[in-house]
Amino acid sequence: MANKRSADTATTSDRAQTQSVPTVHWDDSQITNSYANVCNVSSSHEEVVLVFGINKAWERNAGDVQVKLTDRVILSPFAAKRLTMLLNNVIQQYEARFGTMDLGLPRQSEPVAQTE
């Protein structure tokens, strides 16, 4: 009888775990697509703001660069952290397949030259 009770408890516990995990249904009926090659981020205590745009100046040494801002996404800090984790995973997978991306930025161990 003790064995039957343990089996019943385990089954009830399994059902509770299964029922507590929600199924997410994505509704993309009103989704829009945007392209961006520029992103900027600002934040406050309450939110993280991502601003996306397009830089059409392809010359590297252009004096003035005009960036047309096209989209703004406002996230809670918790959603921003989850996005950071997702993006880190995607970039790691990309670099594992295609090689490390060099952004042309100085490494953290290299001092950045100060200009006055």
Protein backbone atom coordinates (compact mmCIF):
# COMPACT_ATOMS: atom_id res chain seq x y z
CA MET A 1 0.00 0.00 0.00
CA ALA A 2 2.90 2.36 0.69
CA ASN A 3 4.19 1.72 -2.83
CA LYS A 4 0.86 2.68 -4.38
CA ARG A 5 0.74 5.88 -2.38
CA SER A 6 4.30 6.84 -3.46
CA ALA A 7 3.38 6.21 -7.11
CA ASP A 8 0.23 8.34 -6.77
CA THR A 9 2.23 11.17 -5.17
CA ALA A 10 4.87 11.04 -7.91
CA THR A 11 2.20 11.13 -10.62
CA THR A 12 0.49 14.10 -8.98
CA SER A 13 3.83 15.88 -8.66
CA ASP A 14 4.65 15.21 -12.35
CA ARG A 15 1.26 16.61 -13.39
CA ALA A 16 1.77 19.73 -11.27
CA GLN A 17 5.18 20.37 -12.88
CA THR A 18 3.76 19.84 -16.38
CA GLN A 19 0.82 22.14 -15.72
CA SER A 20 3.00 24.91 -14.25
CA VAL A 21 5.02 25.33 -17.48
CA PRO A 22 3.01 27.58 -19.81
CA THR A 23 2.85 27.03 -23.53
CA VAL A 24 3.75 30.21 -25.41
CA HIS A 25 1.87 30.97 -28.62
CA TRP A 26 3.56 33.64 -30.77
CA ASP A 27 1.16 35.89 -32.70
CA ASP A 28 3.12 37.45 -35.57
CA SER A 29 0.10 38.71 -37.51
CA GLN A 30 1.06 42.37 -36.96
CA ILE A 31 4.85 42.09 -37.00
CA THR A 32 6.91 44.54 -39.04
CA ASN A 33 10.48 44.11 -40.25
CA SER A 34 13.21 46.72 -39.98
CA TYR A 35 16.88 46.73 -40.93
CA ALA A 36 19.47 48.52 -38.80
CA ASN A 37 23.24 48.82 -38.97
CA VAL A 38 23.42 51.22 -36.01
CA CYS A 39 22.23 50.73 -32.45
CA ASN A 40 22.50 52.92 -29.37
CA VAL A 41 21.44 52.14 -25.81
CA SER A 42 20.48 54.31 -22.86
CA SER A 43 18.99 53.40 -19.52
CA SER A 44 17.45 54.58 -16.31
CA HIS A 45 16.47 52.77 -13.15
CA GLU A 46 13.14 51.79 -14.72
CA GLU A 47 13.96 50.99 -18.37
CA VAL A 48 16.53 50.23 -21.05
CA VAL A 49 16.02 52.03 -24.37
CA LEU A 50 17.40 50.62 -27.63
CA VAL A 51 17.45 52.98 -30.60
CA PHE A 52 18.05 51.55 -34.09
CA GLY A 53 18.89 53.30 -37.31
CA ILE A 54 20.69 53.27 -40.63
CA ASN A 55 24.06 54.80 -41.39
CA LYS A 56 24.27 55.40 -45.14
CA ALA A 57 27.79 56.89 -45.05
CA TRP A 58 29.97 54.04 -46.27
CA GLU A 59 33.20 56.09 -46.26
CA ARG A 60 35.15 55.46 -43.07
CA ASN A 61 36.64 58.95 -42.73
CA ALA A 62 33.54 61.01 -43.45
CA GLY A 63 33.46 64.31 -41.55
CA ASP A 64 29.72 64.28 -40.89
CA VAL A 65 27.77 61.07 -40.52
CA GLN A 66 24.00 61.23 -40.67
CA VAL A 67 22.20 58.33 -39.01
CA LYS A 68 18.48 58.03 -39.70
CA LEU A 69 16.85 56.64 -36.56
CA THR A 70 14.01 54.28 -37.41
CA ASP A 71 12.98 52.30 -34.34
CA ARG A 72 12.97 52.54 -30.55
CA VAL A 73 12.46 49.55 -28.27
CA ILE A 74 11.92 50.14 -24.55
CA LEU A 75 12.54 47.20 -22.22
CA SER A 76 12.44 46.57 -18.52
CA PRO A 77 15.92 45.89 -17.07
CA PHE A 78 14.89 42.24 -16.60
CA ALA A 79 13.85 41.86 -20.24
CA ALA A 80 17.08 43.60 -21.31
CA LYS A 81 19.14 41.10 -19.31
CA ARG A 82 17.28 38.18 -20.91
CA LEU A 83 17.88 39.75 -24.33
CA THR A 84 21.59 40.07 -23.50
CA MET A 85 21.76 36.36 -22.64
CA LEU A 86 19.97 35.39 -25.86
CA LEU A 87 22.19 37.61 -28.02
CA ASN A 88 25.36 36.27 -26.35
CA ASN A 89 24.26 32.72 -27.18
CA VAL A 90 23.47 33.63 -30.80
CA ILE A 91 26.86 35.34 -31.26
CA GLN A 92 28.72 32.39 -29.72
CA GLN A 93 26.95 30.01 -32.11
CA TYR A 94 27.63 32.32 -35.07
CA GLU A 95 31.35 32.60 -34.25
CA ALA A 96 31.61 28.83 -33.72
CA ARG A 97 30.29 28.35 -37.28
CA PHE A 98 31.87 31.27 -39.13
CA GLY A 99 34.83 32.43 -37.02
CA THR A 100 35.44 35.27 -34.63
CA MET A 101 34.22 38.70 -35.68
CA ASP A 102 36.73 41.54 -35.43
CA LEU A 103 34.89 44.78 -34.72
CA GLY A 104 38.07 46.83 -35.05
CA LEU A 105 37.82 48.01 -31.45
CA PRO A 106 40.83 48.15 -29.10
CA ARG A 107 41.04 45.19 -26.76
CA GLN A 108 40.31 45.85 -23.10
CA SER A 109 43.95 45.25 -22.18
CA GLU A 110 45.08 47.89 -24.69
CA PRO A 111 44.90 51.49 -23.45
CA VAL A 112 42.76 53.80 -25.54
CA ALA A 113 44.69 56.84 -26.76
CA GLN A 114 43.34 60.09 -25.34
CA THR A 115 42.99 62.96 -27.80
CA GLU A 116 42.60 66.54 -26.69
